[in-house]
Amino acid sequence: MPFFTFQIVAYRKQKILYFSPQIYTFRPQLFSMEVICLEDAAFYELVDRVLERIKEKQKVVSDKWISGEETMKMLRISSKTTLQKLRDEGKIRFSQPEKKLILYDFDSINNYLNQNAHSTF
């Protein structure tokens, strides 16, 4: 059965995990090293668990209202004038809670993008 090699390296009192088919040589700044060999089924199970844990930690609830800069990134536009034009034409919803603060509706931007999407042939 094939094996995968892990390396847990203590570098400046931080543990770093390396996935590698080969063994690294010792470096002078490394304090200790531990090599763990796993069968491929155990390796893939471990990777799946790690990915699930990362996905849990990275779950971000998107805000209903986003800033002008975030809106411009989503629409891939660089001009505030273009953003104002979309606002003035009523193509995207916005809210202005303060005089110089304009927030844009996330769902409205996605709807605008979907309305202007063209299907393939």
PDB file of N, CA and C in Angstrom:
ATOM      1  N   MET A   1       0.833  -1.185   0.000  1.00  0.00           N
ATOM      2  CA  MET A   1       0.000   0.000   0.000  1.00  0.00           C
ATOM      3  C   MET A   1       0.875   1.244   0.000  1.00  0.00           C
ATOM      4  N   PRO A   2       0.477   2.261  -0.755  1.00  0.00           N
ATOM      5  CA  PRO A   2       1.272   3.491  -0.762  1.00  0.00           C
ATOM      6  C   PRO A   2       1.120   4.246   0.555  1.00  0.00           C
ATOM      7  N   PHE A   3       2.151   4.942   0.920  1.00  0.00           N
ATOM      8  CA  PHE A   3       2.146   5.747   2.129  1.00  0.00           C
ATOM      9  C   PHE A   3       2.407   7.197   1.774  1.00  0.00           C
ATOM     10  N   PHE A   4       1.853   8.097   2.561  1.00  0.00           N
ATOM     11  CA  PHE A   4       2.141   9.516   2.442  1.00  0.00           C
ATOM     12  C   PHE A   4       2.931   9.937   3.664  1.00  0.00           C
ATOM     13  N   THR A   5       3.808  10.852   3.496  1.00  0.00           N
ATOM     14  CA  THR A   5       4.649  11.298   4.592  1.00  0.00           C
ATOM     15  C   THR A   5       4.221  12.688   5.030  1.00  0.00           C
ATOM     16  N   PHE A   6       4.081  12.860   6.333  1.00  0.00           N
ATOM     17  CA  PHE A   6       3.814  14.156   6.932  1.00  0.00           C
ATOM     18  C   PHE A   6       5.054  14.582   7.676  1.00  0.00           C
ATOM     19  N   GLN A   7       5.243  15.846   7.770  1.00  0.00           N
ATOM     20  CA  GLN A   7       6.298  16.354   8.611  1.00  0.00           C
ATOM     21  C   GLN A   7       5.713  17.441   9.493  1.00  0.00           C
ATOM     22  N   ILE A   8       5.902  17.288  10.758  1.00  0.00           N
ATOM     23  CA  ILE A   8       5.505  18.324  11.690  1.00  0.00           C
ATOM     24  C   ILE A   8       6.791  18.933  12.200  1.00  0.00           C
ATOM     25  N   VAL A   9       6.976  20.188  11.886  1.00  0.00           N
ATOM     26  CA  VAL A   9       8.221  20.855  12.199  1.00  0.00           C
ATOM     27  C   VAL A   9       7.937  21.990  13.186  1.00  0.00           C
ATOM     28  N   ALA A  10       8.705  22.018  14.252  1.00  0.00           N
ATOM     29  CA  ALA A  10       8.583  23.126  15.198  1.00  0.00           C
ATOM     30  C   ALA A  10       9.549  24.211  14.757  1.00  0.00           C
ATOM     31  N   TYR A  11       9.027  25.287  14.273  1.00  0.00           N
ATOM     32  CA  TYR A  11       9.836  26.400  13.803  1.00  0.00           C
ATOM     33  C   TYR A  11       9.471  27.611  14.633  1.00  0.00           C
ATOM     34  N   ARG A  12      10.396  28.072  15.406  1.00  0.00           N
ATOM     35  CA  ARG A  12      10.157  29.201  16.305  1.00  0.00           C
ATOM     36  C   ARG A  12       8.911  28.979  17.158  1.00  0.00           C
ATOM     37  N   LYS A  13       8.802  27.788  17.702  1.00  0.00           N
ATOM     38  CA  LYS A  13       7.727  27.363  18.599  1.00  0.00           C
ATOM     39  C   LYS A  13       6.359  27.331  17.929  1.00  0.00           C
ATOM     40  N   GLN A  14       6.321  27.241  16.599  1.00  0.00           N
ATOM     41  CA  GLN A  14       5.074  27.065  15.869  1.00  0.00           C
ATOM     42  C   GLN A  14       5.169  25.740  15.134  1.00  0.00           C
ATOM     43  N   LYS A  15       4.104  24.960  15.196  1.00  0.00           N
ATOM     44  CA  LYS A  15       4.110  23.685  14.494  1.00  0.00           C
ATOM     45  C   LYS A  15       3.631  23.898  13.071  1.00  0.00           C
ATOM     46  N   ILE A  16       4.388  23.395  12.117  1.00  0.00           N
ATOM     47  CA  ILE A  16       4.068  23.518  10.705  1.00  0.00           C
ATOM     48  C   ILE A  16       3.940  22.110  10.155  1.00  0.00           C
ATOM     49  N   LEU A  17       2.876  21.841   9.422  1.00  0.00           N
ATOM     50  CA  LEU A  17       2.630  20.521   8.868  1.00  0.00           C
ATOM     51  C   LEU A  17       2.937  20.537   7.384  1.00  0.00           C
ATOM     52  N   TYR A  18       3.816  19.668   6.949  1.00  0.00           N
ATOM     53  CA  TYR A  18       4.170  19.556   5.540  1.00  0.00           C
ATOM     54  C   TYR A  18       3.636  18.229   5.009  1.00  0.00           C
ATOM     55  N   PHE A  19       3.007  18.232   3.851  1.00  0.00           N
ATOM     56  CA  PHE A  19       2.633  17.014   3.146  1.00  0.00           C
ATOM     57  C   PHE A  19       3.701  16.801   2.088  1.00  0.00           C
ATOM     58  N   SER A  20       4.355  15.684   2.136  1.00  0.00           N
ATOM     59  CA  SER A  20       5.468  15.520   1.218  1.00  0.00           C
ATOM     60  C   SER A  20       5.728  14.051   0.949  1.00  0.00           C
ATOM     61  N   PRO A  21       6.113  13.702  -0.278  1.00  0.00           N
ATOM     62  CA  PRO A  21       6.511  12.321  -0.545  1.00  0.00           C
ATOM     63  C   PRO A  21       7.965  12.061  -0.158  1.00  0.00           C
ATOM     64  N   GLN A  22       8.671  13.076   0.253  1.00  0.00           N
ATOM     65  CA  GLN A  22      10.074  12.901   0.601  1.00  0.00           C
ATOM     66  C   GLN A  22      10.345  13.512   1.971  1.00  0.00           C
ATOM     67  N   ILE A  23      11.481  13.186   2.526  1.00  0.00           N
ATOM     68  CA  ILE A  23      11.851  13.707   3.836  1.00  0.00           C
ATOM     69  C   ILE A  23      12.758  14.907   3.636  1.00  0.00           C
ATOM     70  N   TYR A  24      12.431  16.003   4.330  1.00  0.00           N
ATOM     71  CA  TYR A  24      13.235  17.214   4.235  1.00  0.00           C
ATOM     72  C   TYR A  24      14.497  17.056   5.074  1.00  0.00           C
ATOM     73  N   THR A  25      15.499  17.758   4.688  1.00  0.00           N
ATOM     74  CA  THR A  25      16.723  17.757   5.483  1.00  0.00           C
ATOM     75  C   THR A  25      16.564  18.739   6.629  1.00  0.00           C
ATOM     76  N   PHE A  26      17.315  18.520   7.690  1.00  0.00           N
ATOM     77  CA  PHE A  26      17.261  19.435   8.821  1.00  0.00           C
ATOM     78  C   PHE A  26      17.893  20.754   8.455  1.00  0.00           C
ATOM     79  N   ARG A  27      17.299  21.811   8.924  1.00  0.00           N
ATOM     80  CA  ARG A  27      17.841  23.148   8.723  1.00  0.00           C
ATOM     81  C   ARG A  27      18.294  23.670  10.083  1.00  0.00           C
ATOM     82  N   PRO A  28      19.246  24.567  10.133  1.00  0.00           N
ATOM     83  CA  PRO A  28      19.740  25.015  11.430  1.00  0.00           C
ATOM     84  C   PRO A  28      18.696  25.705  12.310  1.00  0.00           C
ATOM     85  N   GLN A  29      17.677  26.372  11.709  1.00  0.00           N
ATOM     86  CA  GLN A  29      16.716  27.096  12.522  1.00  0.00           C
ATOM     87  C   GLN A  29      15.606  26.185  13.051  1.00  0.00           C
ATOM     88  N   LEU A  30      15.561  24.918  12.644  1.00  0.00           N
ATOM     89  CA  LEU A  30      14.536  23.995  13.094  1.00  0.00           C
ATOM     90  C   LEU A  30      14.947  23.365  14.412  1.00  0.00           C
ATOM     91  N   PHE A  31      13.969  23.193  15.305  1.00  0.00           N
ATOM     92  CA  PHE A  31      14.275  22.670  16.621  1.00  0.00           C
ATOM     93  C   PHE A  31      14.031  21.174  16.722  1.00  0.00           C
ATOM     94  N   SER A  32      12.938  20.691  16.138  1.00  0.00           N
ATOM     95  CA  SER A  32      12.644  19.260  16.206  1.00  0.00           C
ATOM     96  C   SER A  32      11.818  18.865  14.991  1.00  0.00           C
ATOM     97  N   MET A  33      11.772  17.560  14.769  1.00  0.00           N
ATOM     98  CA  MET A  33      11.045  17.071  13.603  1.00  0.00           C
ATOM     99  C   MET A  33      10.442  15.716  13.936  1.00  0.00           C
ATOM    100  N   GLU A  34       9.215  15.529  13.490  1.00  0.00           N
ATOM    101  CA  GLU A  34       8.531  14.270  13.697  1.00  0.00           C
ATOM    102  C   GLU A  34       7.919  13.860  12.367  1.00  0.00           C
ATOM    103  N   VAL A  35       8.159  12.650  11.920  1.00  0.00           N
ATOM    104  CA  VAL A  35       7.636  12.163  10.650  1.00  0.00           C
ATOM    105  C   VAL A  35       6.543  11.148  10.946  1.00  0.00           C
ATOM    106  N   ILE A  36       5.382  11.329  10.311  1.00  0.00           N
ATOM    107  CA  ILE A  36       4.251  10.427  10.494  1.00  0.00           C
ATOM    108  C   ILE A  36       3.912   9.816   9.145  1.00  0.00           C
ATOM    109  N   CYS A  37       3.833   8.510   9.063  1.00  0.00           N
ATOM    110  CA  CYS A  37       3.466   7.819   7.821  1.00  0.00           C
ATOM    111  C   CYS A  37       2.035   7.308   7.953  1.00  0.00           C
ATOM    112  N   LEU A  38       1.238   7.548   6.913  1.00  0.00           N
ATOM    113  CA  LEU A  38      -0.156   7.109   6.892  1.00  0.00           C
ATOM    114  C   LEU A  38      -0.432   6.335   5.617  1.00  0.00           C
ATOM    115  N   GLU A  39      -1.373   5.394   5.707  1.00  0.00           N
ATOM    116  CA  GLU A  39      -1.836   4.727   4.498  1.00  0.00           C
ATOM    117  C   GLU A  39      -2.676   5.712   3.712  1.00  0.00           C
ATOM    118  N   ASP A  40      -2.843   5.458   2.417  1.00  0.00           N
ATOM    119  CA  ASP A  40      -3.536   6.439   1.579  1.00  0.00           C
ATOM    120  C   ASP A  40      -4.983   6.670   2.008  1.00  0.00           C
ATOM    121  N   ALA A  41      -5.693   5.648   2.464  1.00  0.00           N
ATOM    122  CA  ALA A  41      -7.078   5.832   2.901  1.00  0.00           C
ATOM    123  C   ALA A  41      -7.136   6.749   4.128  1.00  0.00           C
ATOM    124  N   ALA A  42      -6.234   6.544   5.065  1.00  0.00           N
ATOM    125  CA  ALA A  42      -6.188   7.389   6.260  1.00  0.00           C
ATOM    126  C   ALA A  42      -5.792   8.812   5.896  1.00  0.00           C
ATOM    127  N   PHE A  43      -4.890   8.949   4.939  1.00  0.00           N
ATOM    128  CA  PHE A  43      -4.458  10.278   4.505  1.00  0.00           C
ATOM    129  C   PHE A  43      -5.627  11.057   3.919  1.00  0.00           C
ATOM    130  N   TYR A  44      -6.384  10.427   3.014  1.00  0.00           N
ATOM    131  CA  TYR A  44      -7.504  11.120   2.387  1.00  0.00           C
ATOM    132  C   TYR A  44      -8.611  11.424   3.390  1.00  0.00           C
ATOM    133  N   GLU A  45      -8.820  10.558   4.358  1.00  0.00           N
ATOM    134  CA  GLU A  45      -9.793  10.836   5.410  1.00  0.00           C
ATOM    135  C   GLU A  45      -9.356  12.043   6.237  1.00  0.00           C
ATOM    136  N   LEU A  46      -8.072  12.116   6.540  1.00  0.00           N
ATOM    137  CA  LEU A  46      -7.538  13.261   7.281  1.00  0.00           C
ATOM    138  C   LEU A  46      -7.688  14.550   6.479  1.00  0.00           C
ATOM    139  N   VAL A  47      -7.382  14.493   5.192  1.00  0.00           N
ATOM    140  CA  VAL A  47      -7.517  15.679   4.337  1.00  0.00           C
ATOM    141  C   VAL A  47      -8.970  16.129   4.283  1.00  0.00           C
ATOM    142  N   ASP A  48      -9.913  15.190   4.163  1.00  0.00           N
ATOM    143  CA  ASP A  48     -11.340  15.540   4.150  1.00  0.00           C
ATOM    144  C   ASP A  48     -11.756  16.223   5.442  1.00  0.00           C
ATOM    145  N   ARG A  49     -11.286  15.695   6.569  1.00  0.00           N
ATOM    146  CA  ARG A  49     -11.613  16.311   7.855  1.00  0.00           C
ATOM    147  C   ARG A  49     -11.037  17.715   7.966  1.00  0.00           C
ATOM    148  N   VAL A  50      -9.810  17.886   7.509  1.00  0.00           N
ATOM    149  CA  VAL A  50      -9.180  19.202   7.550  1.00  0.00           C
ATOM    150  C   VAL A  50      -9.958  20.188   6.680  1.00  0.00           C
ATOM    151  N   LEU A  51     -10.349  19.763   5.479  1.00  0.00           N
ATOM    152  CA  LEU A  51     -11.112  20.635   4.588  1.00  0.00           C
ATOM    153  C   LEU A  51     -12.466  21.009   5.185  1.00  0.00           C
ATOM    154  N   GLU A  52     -13.142  20.050   5.812  1.00  0.00           N
ATOM    155  CA  GLU A  52     -14.417  20.340   6.458  1.00  0.00           C
ATOM    156  C   GLU A  52     -14.235  21.370   7.570  1.00  0.00           C
ATOM    157  N   ARG A  53     -13.189  21.203   8.337  1.00  0.00           N
ATOM    158  CA  ARG A  53     -12.920  22.134   9.446  1.00  0.00           C
ATOM    159  C   ARG A  53     -12.622  23.539   8.921  1.00  0.00           C
ATOM    160  N   ILE A  54     -11.850  23.608   7.843  1.00  0.00           N
ATOM    161  CA  ILE A  54     -11.533  24.909   7.249  1.00  0.00           C
ATOM    162  C   ILE A  54     -12.805  25.569   6.729  1.00  0.00           C
ATOM    163  N   LYS A  55     -13.668  24.799   6.069  1.00  0.00           N
ATOM    164  CA  LYS A  55     -14.920  25.352   5.548  1.00  0.00           C
ATOM    165  C   LYS A  55     -15.812  25.862   6.672  1.00  0.00           C
ATOM    166  N   GLU A  56     -15.843  25.133   7.803  1.00  0.00           N
ATOM    167  CA  GLU A  56     -16.627  25.589   8.952  1.00  0.00           C
ATOM    168  C   GLU A  56     -16.118  26.924   9.466  1.00  0.00           C
ATOM    169  N   LYS A  57     -14.804  27.049   9.569  1.00  0.00           N
ATOM    170  CA  LYS A  57     -14.202  28.265  10.111  1.00  0.00           C
ATOM    171  C   LYS A  57     -14.374  29.446   9.168  1.00  0.00           C
ATOM    172  N   GLN A  58     -14.430  29.186   7.860  1.00  0.00           N
ATOM    173  CA  GLN A  58     -14.474  30.266   6.887  1.00  0.00           C
ATOM    174  C   GLN A  58     -15.878  30.634   6.450  1.00  0.00           C
ATOM    175  N   LYS A  59     -16.892  30.033   7.052  1.00  0.00           N
ATOM    176  CA  LYS A  59     -18.253  30.401   6.690  1.00  0.00           C
ATOM    177  C   LYS A  59     -18.470  31.859   7.050  1.00  0.00           C
ATOM    178  N   VAL A  60     -18.719  32.643   6.045  1.00  0.00           N
ATOM    179  CA  VAL A  60     -18.919  34.070   6.246  1.00  0.00           C
ATOM    180  C   VAL A  60     -20.337  34.407   5.804  1.00  0.00           C
ATOM    181  N   VAL A  61     -21.052  35.024   6.689  1.00  0.00           N
ATOM    182  CA  VAL A  61     -22.395  35.472   6.338  1.00  0.00           C
ATOM    183  C   VAL A  61     -22.241  36.791   5.590  1.00  0.00           C
ATOM    184  N   SER A  62     -22.695  36.793   4.357  1.00  0.00           N
ATOM    185  CA  SER A  62     -22.542  38.014   3.568  1.00  0.00           C
ATOM    186  C   SER A  62     -23.532  39.069   4.059  1.00  0.00           C
ATOM    187  N   ASP A  63     -23.078  40.297   4.044  1.00  0.00           N
ATOM    188  CA  ASP A  63     -23.907  41.406   4.483  1.00  0.00           C
ATOM    189  C   ASP A  63     -24.950  41.726   3.418  1.00  0.00           C
ATOM    190  N   LYS A  64     -26.096  42.187   3.863  1.00  0.00           N
ATOM    191  CA  LYS A  64     -27.152  42.608   2.931  1.00  0.00           C
ATOM    192  C   LYS A  64     -26.735  43.873   2.199  1.00  0.00           C
ATOM    193  N   TRP A  65     -26.043  44.771   2.900  1.00  0.00           N
ATOM    194  CA  TRP A  65     -25.629  46.042   2.324  1.00  0.00           C
ATOM    195  C   TRP A  65     -24.110  46.095   2.291  1.00  0.00           C
ATOM    196  N   ILE A  66     -23.556  46.438   1.128  1.00  0.00           N
ATOM    197  CA  ILE A  66     -22.106  46.490   0.980  1.00  0.00           C
ATOM    198  C   ILE A  66     -21.673  47.880   0.526  1.00  0.00           C
ATOM    199  N   SER A  67     -20.408  48.176   0.725  1.00  0.00           N
ATOM    200  CA  SER A  67     -19.884  49.504   0.403  1.00  0.00           C
ATOM    201  C   SER A  67     -19.723  49.691  -1.108  1.00  0.00           C
ATOM    202  N   GLY A  68     -19.457  50.926  -1.489  1.00  0.00           N
ATOM    203  CA  GLY A  68     -19.243  51.244  -2.898  1.00  0.00           C
ATOM    204  C   GLY A  68     -18.016  50.542  -3.469  1.00  0.00           C
ATOM    205  N   GLU A  69     -16.954  50.446  -2.661  1.00  0.00           N
ATOM    206  CA  GLU A  69     -15.733  49.780  -3.137  1.00  0.00           C
ATOM    207  C   GLU A  69     -15.986  48.304  -3.404  1.00  0.00           C
ATOM    208  N   GLU A  70     -16.710  47.645  -2.486  1.00  0.00           N
ATOM    209  CA  GLU A  70     -17.033  46.231  -2.690  1.00  0.00           C
ATOM    210  C   GLU A  70     -17.938  46.049  -3.904  1.00  0.00           C
ATOM    211  N   THR A  71     -18.875  46.971  -4.090  1.00  0.00           N
ATOM    212  CA  THR A  71     -19.774  46.918  -5.243  1.00  0.00           C
ATOM    213  C   THR A  71     -18.994  47.054  -6.539  1.00  0.00           C
ATOM    214  N   MET A  72     -18.050  47.998  -6.552  1.00  0.00           N
ATOM    215  CA  MET A  72     -17.241  48.196  -7.757  1.00  0.00           C
ATOM    216  C   MET A  72     -16.396  46.954  -8.061  1.00  0.00           C
ATOM    217  N   LYS A  73     -15.904  46.284  -7.032  1.00  0.00           N
ATOM    218  CA  LYS A  73     -15.143  45.039  -7.248  1.00  0.00           C
ATOM    219  C   LYS A  73     -16.035  43.953  -7.818  1.00  0.00           C
ATOM    220  N   MET A  74     -17.263  43.830  -7.274  1.00  0.00           N
ATOM    221  CA  MET A  74     -18.193  42.810  -7.771  1.00  0.00           C
ATOM    222  C   MET A  74     -18.551  43.038  -9.228  1.00  0.00           C
ATOM    223  N   LEU A  75     -18.779  44.305  -9.574  1.00  0.00           N
ATOM    224  CA  LEU A  75     -19.178  44.643 -10.941  1.00  0.00           C
ATOM    225  C   LEU A  75     -17.985  44.800 -11.882  1.00  0.00           C
ATOM    226  N   ARG A  76     -16.792  44.772 -11.288  1.00  0.00           N
ATOM    227  CA  ARG A  76     -15.545  44.941 -12.045  1.00  0.00           C
ATOM    228  C   ARG A  76     -15.534  46.252 -12.830  1.00  0.00           C
ATOM    229  N   ILE A  77     -15.914  47.301 -12.124  1.00  0.00           N
ATOM    230  CA  ILE A  77     -15.832  48.633 -12.700  1.00  0.00           C
ATOM    231  C   ILE A  77     -14.865  49.456 -11.864  1.00  0.00           C
ATOM    232  N   SER A  78     -14.256  50.456 -12.478  1.00  0.00           N
ATOM    233  CA  SER A  78     -13.269  51.252 -11.757  1.00  0.00           C
ATOM    234  C   SER A  78     -13.702  52.697 -11.565  1.00  0.00           C
ATOM    235  N   SER A  79     -14.829  53.061 -12.144  1.00  0.00           N
ATOM    236  CA  SER A  79     -15.268  54.448 -12.101  1.00  0.00           C
ATOM    237  C   SER A  79     -16.460  54.620 -11.164  1.00  0.00           C
ATOM    238  N   LYS A  80     -16.361  55.591 -10.272  1.00  0.00           N
ATOM    239  CA  LYS A  80     -17.484  55.903  -9.395  1.00  0.00           C
ATOM    240  C   LYS A  80     -18.645  56.502 -10.183  1.00  0.00           C
ATOM    241  N   THR A  81     -18.323  57.109 -11.311  1.00  0.00           N
ATOM    242  CA  THR A  81     -19.354  57.688 -12.175  1.00  0.00           C
ATOM    243  C   THR A  81     -20.248  56.593 -12.753  1.00  0.00           C
ATOM    244  N   THR A  82     -19.641  55.483 -13.149  1.00  0.00           N
ATOM    245  CA  THR A  82     -20.417  54.356 -13.679  1.00  0.00           C
ATOM    246  C   THR A  82     -21.333  53.812 -12.596  1.00  0.00           C
ATOM    247  N   LEU A  83     -20.826  53.723 -11.379  1.00  0.00           N
ATOM    248  CA  LEU A  83     -21.632  53.248 -10.257  1.00  0.00           C
ATOM    249  C   LEU A  83     -22.802  54.205 -10.001  1.00  0.00           C
ATOM    250  N   GLN A  84     -22.540  55.495 -10.061  1.00  0.00           N
ATOM    251  CA  GLN A  84     -23.599  56.488  -9.874  1.00  0.00           C
ATOM    252  C   GLN A  84     -24.637  56.382 -10.994  1.00  0.00           C
ATOM    253  N   LYS A  85     -24.190  56.120 -12.220  1.00  0.00           N
ATOM    254  CA  LYS A  85     -25.104  55.975 -13.357  1.00  0.00           C
ATOM    255  C   LYS A  85     -26.044  54.784 -13.125  1.00  0.00           C
ATOM    256  N   LEU A  86     -25.496  53.664 -12.649  1.00  0.00           N
ATOM    257  CA  LEU A  86     -26.332  52.495 -12.362  1.00  0.00           C
ATOM    258  C   LEU A  86     -27.347  52.809 -11.266  1.00  0.00           C
ATOM    259  N   ARG A  87     -26.921  53.590 -10.295  1.00  0.00           N
ATOM    260  CA  ARG A  87     -27.796  54.021  -9.212  1.00  0.00           C
ATOM    261  C   ARG A  87     -28.904  54.919  -9.743  1.00  0.00           C
ATOM    262  N   ASP A  88     -28.536  55.921 -10.547  1.00  0.00           N
ATOM    263  CA  ASP A  88     -29.495  56.900 -11.070  1.00  0.00           C
ATOM    264  C   ASP A  88     -30.518  56.266 -12.006  1.00  0.00           C
ATOM    265  N   GLU A  89     -30.091  55.260 -12.760  1.00  0.00           N
ATOM    266  CA  GLU A  89     -30.992  54.574 -13.687  1.00  0.00           C
ATOM    267  C   GLU A  89     -31.869  53.540 -12.982  1.00  0.00           C
ATOM    268  N   GLY A  90     -31.641  53.324 -11.696  1.00  0.00           N
ATOM    269  CA  GLY A  90     -32.451  52.380 -10.932  1.00  0.00           C
ATOM    270  C   GLY A  90     -32.106  50.929 -11.201  1.00  0.00           C
ATOM    271  N   LYS A  91     -30.924  50.671 -11.708  1.00  0.00           N
ATOM    272  CA  LYS A  91     -30.539  49.299 -12.025  1.00  0.00           C
ATOM    273  C   LYS A  91     -30.086  48.516 -10.797  1.00  0.00           C
ATOM    274  N   ILE A  92     -29.556  49.222  -9.798  1.00  0.00           N
ATOM    275  CA  ILE A  92     -29.192  48.569  -8.540  1.00  0.00           C
ATOM    276  C   ILE A  92     -29.760  49.385  -7.381  1.00  0.00           C
ATOM    277  N   ARG A  93     -30.201  48.674  -6.344  1.00  0.00           N
ATOM    278  CA  ARG A  93     -30.766  49.329  -5.160  1.00  0.00           C
ATOM    279  C   ARG A  93     -29.651  49.866  -4.289  1.00  0.00           C
ATOM    280  N   PHE A  94     -29.949  50.961  -3.602  1.00  0.00           N
ATOM    281  CA  PHE A  94     -28.971  51.525  -2.685  1.00  0.00           C
ATOM    282  C   PHE A  94     -29.676  52.168  -1.506  1.00  0.00           C
ATOM    283  N   SER A  95     -28.910  52.407  -0.476  1.00  0.00           N
ATOM    284  CA  SER A  95     -29.411  53.092   0.710  1.00  0.00           C
ATOM    285  C   SER A  95     -28.387  54.149   1.100  1.00  0.00           C
ATOM    286  N   GLN A  96     -28.891  55.276   1.555  1.00  0.00           N
ATOM    287  CA  GLN A  96     -27.991  56.356   1.948  1.00  0.00           C
ATOM    288  C   GLN A  96     -28.333  56.782   3.377  1.00  0.00           C
ATOM    289  N   PRO A  97     -27.800  56.037   4.372  1.00  0.00           N
ATOM    290  CA  PRO A  97     -28.128  56.365   5.761  1.00  0.00           C
ATOM    291  C   PRO A  97     -27.515  57.682   6.243  1.00  0.00           C
ATOM    292  N   GLU A  98     -26.414  58.084   5.645  1.00  0.00           N
ATOM    293  CA  GLU A  98     -25.780  59.359   5.967  1.00  0.00           C
ATOM    294  C   GLU A  98     -25.459  60.076   4.665  1.00  0.00           C
ATOM    295  N   LYS A  99     -25.113  61.351   4.779  1.00  0.00           N
ATOM    296  CA  LYS A  99     -24.906  62.152   3.575  1.00  0.00           C
ATOM    297  C   LYS A  99     -23.843  61.573   2.643  1.00  0.00           C
ATOM    298  N   LYS A 100     -22.712  61.149   3.185  1.00  0.00           N
ATOM    299  CA  LYS A 100     -21.621  60.655   2.334  1.00  0.00           C
ATOM    300  C   LYS A 100     -21.461  59.141   2.374  1.00  0.00           C
ATOM    301  N   LEU A 101     -22.409  58.452   2.955  1.00  0.00           N
ATOM    302  CA  LEU A 101     -22.345  56.992   3.042  1.00  0.00           C
ATOM    303  C   LEU A 101     -23.439  56.385   2.188  1.00  0.00           C
ATOM    304  N   ILE A 102     -23.031  55.693   1.141  1.00  0.00           N
ATOM    305  CA  ILE A 102     -23.979  55.016   0.256  1.00  0.00           C
ATOM    306  C   ILE A 102     -23.670  53.533   0.303  1.00  0.00           C
ATOM    307  N   LEU A 103     -24.681  52.742   0.605  1.00  0.00           N
ATOM    308  CA  LEU A 103     -24.549  51.287   0.661  1.00  0.00           C
ATOM    309  C   LEU A 103     -25.405  50.670  -0.436  1.00  0.00           C
ATOM    310  N   TYR A 104     -24.952  49.534  -0.948  1.00  0.00           N
ATOM    311  CA  TYR A 104     -25.631  48.891  -2.071  1.00  0.00           C
ATOM    312  C   TYR A 104     -26.153  47.528  -1.653  1.00  0.00           C
ATOM    313  N   ASP A 105     -27.325  47.182  -2.185  1.00  0.00           N
ATOM    314  CA  ASP A 105     -27.977  45.914  -1.873  1.00  0.00           C
ATOM    315  C   ASP A 105     -27.261  44.774  -2.604  1.00  0.00           C
ATOM    316  N   PHE A 106     -26.739  43.827  -1.852  1.00  0.00           N
ATOM    317  CA  PHE A 106     -25.991  42.699  -2.401  1.00  0.00           C
ATOM    318  C   PHE A 106     -26.846  41.886  -3.379  1.00  0.00           C
ATOM    319  N   ASP A 107     -28.090  41.596  -2.994  1.00  0.00           N
ATOM    320  CA  ASP A 107     -28.982  40.804  -3.858  1.00  0.00           C
ATOM    321  C   ASP A 107     -29.316  41.549  -5.141  1.00  0.00           C
ATOM    322  N   SER A 108     -29.459  42.858  -5.050  1.00  0.00           N
ATOM    323  CA  SER A 108     -29.760  43.668  -6.224  1.00  0.00           C
ATOM    324  C   SER A 108     -28.607  43.617  -7.230  1.00  0.00           C
ATOM    325  N   ILE A 109     -27.393  43.625  -6.728  1.00  0.00           N
ATOM    326  CA  ILE A 109     -26.226  43.559  -7.614  1.00  0.00           C
ATOM    327  C   ILE A 109     -26.163  42.201  -8.303  1.00  0.00           C
ATOM    328  N   ASN A 110     -26.423  41.130  -7.537  1.00  0.00           N
ATOM    329  CA  ASN A 110     -26.434  39.793  -8.144  1.00  0.00           C
ATOM    330  C   ASN A 110     -27.542  39.666  -9.185  1.00  0.00           C
ATOM    331  N   ASN A 111     -28.722  40.239  -8.896  1.00  0.00           N
ATOM    332  CA  ASN A 111     -29.814  40.214  -9.877  1.00  0.00           C
ATOM    333  C   ASN A 111     -29.428  40.971 -11.144  1.00  0.00           C
ATOM    334  N   TYR A 112     -28.790  42.122 -10.982  1.00  0.00           N
ATOM    335  CA  TYR A 112     -28.332  42.909 -12.135  1.00  0.00           C
ATOM    336  C   TYR A 112     -27.356  42.097 -12.988  1.00  0.00           C
ATOM    337  N   LEU A 113     -26.423  41.427 -12.338  1.00  0.00           N
ATOM    338  CA  LEU A 113     -25.459  40.609 -13.079  1.00  0.00           C
ATOM    339  C   LEU A 113     -26.152  39.446 -13.792  1.00  0.00           C
ATOM    340  N   ASN A 114     -27.123  38.820 -13.114  1.00  0.00           N
ATOM    341  CA  ASN A 114     -27.839  37.702 -13.743  1.00  0.00           C
ATOM    342  C   ASN A 114     -28.716  38.151 -14.907  1.00  0.00           C
ATOM    343  N   GLN A 115     -29.317  39.325 -14.801  1.00  0.00           N
ATOM    344  CA  GLN A 115     -30.148  39.846 -15.893  1.00  0.00           C
ATOM    345  C   GLN A 115     -29.324  40.145 -17.132  1.00  0.00           C
ATOM    346  N   ASN A 116     -28.088  40.504 -16.940  1.00  0.00           N
ATOM    347  CA  ASN A 116     -27.222  40.849 -18.075  1.00  0.00           C
ATOM    348  C   ASN A 116     -26.326  39.689 -18.513  1.00  0.00           C
ATOM    349  N   ALA A 117     -26.557  38.518 -17.960  1.00  0.00           N
ATOM    350  CA  ALA A 117     -25.782  37.349 -18.350  1.00  0.00           C
ATOM    351  C   ALA A 117     -26.353  36.785 -19.647  1.00  0.00           C
ATOM    352  N   HIS A 118     -25.476  36.349 -20.517  1.00  0.00           N
ATOM    353  CA  HIS A 118     -25.873  35.753 -21.787  1.00  0.00           C
ATOM    354  C   HIS A 118     -25.541  34.276 -21.757  1.00  0.00           C
ATOM    355  N   SER A 119     -26.503  33.460 -22.195  1.00  0.00           N
ATOM    356  CA  SER A 119     -26.250  32.018 -22.196  1.00  0.00           C
ATOM    357  C   SER A 119     -25.439  31.640 -23.424  1.00  0.00           C
ATOM    358  N   THR A 120     -24.773  30.508 -23.314  1.00  0.00           N
ATOM    359  CA  THR A 120     -23.925  30.044 -24.425  1.00  0.00           C
ATOM    360  C   THR A 120     -24.792  29.453 -25.524  1.00  0.00           C
ATOM    361  N   PHE A 121     -24.203  29.288 -26.644  1.00  0.00           N
ATOM    362  CA  PHE A 121     -24.924  28.776 -27.813  1.00  0.00           C
ATOM    363  C   PHE A 121     -25.153  27.302 -27.707  1.00  0.00           C
TER     364      PHE A 121
END
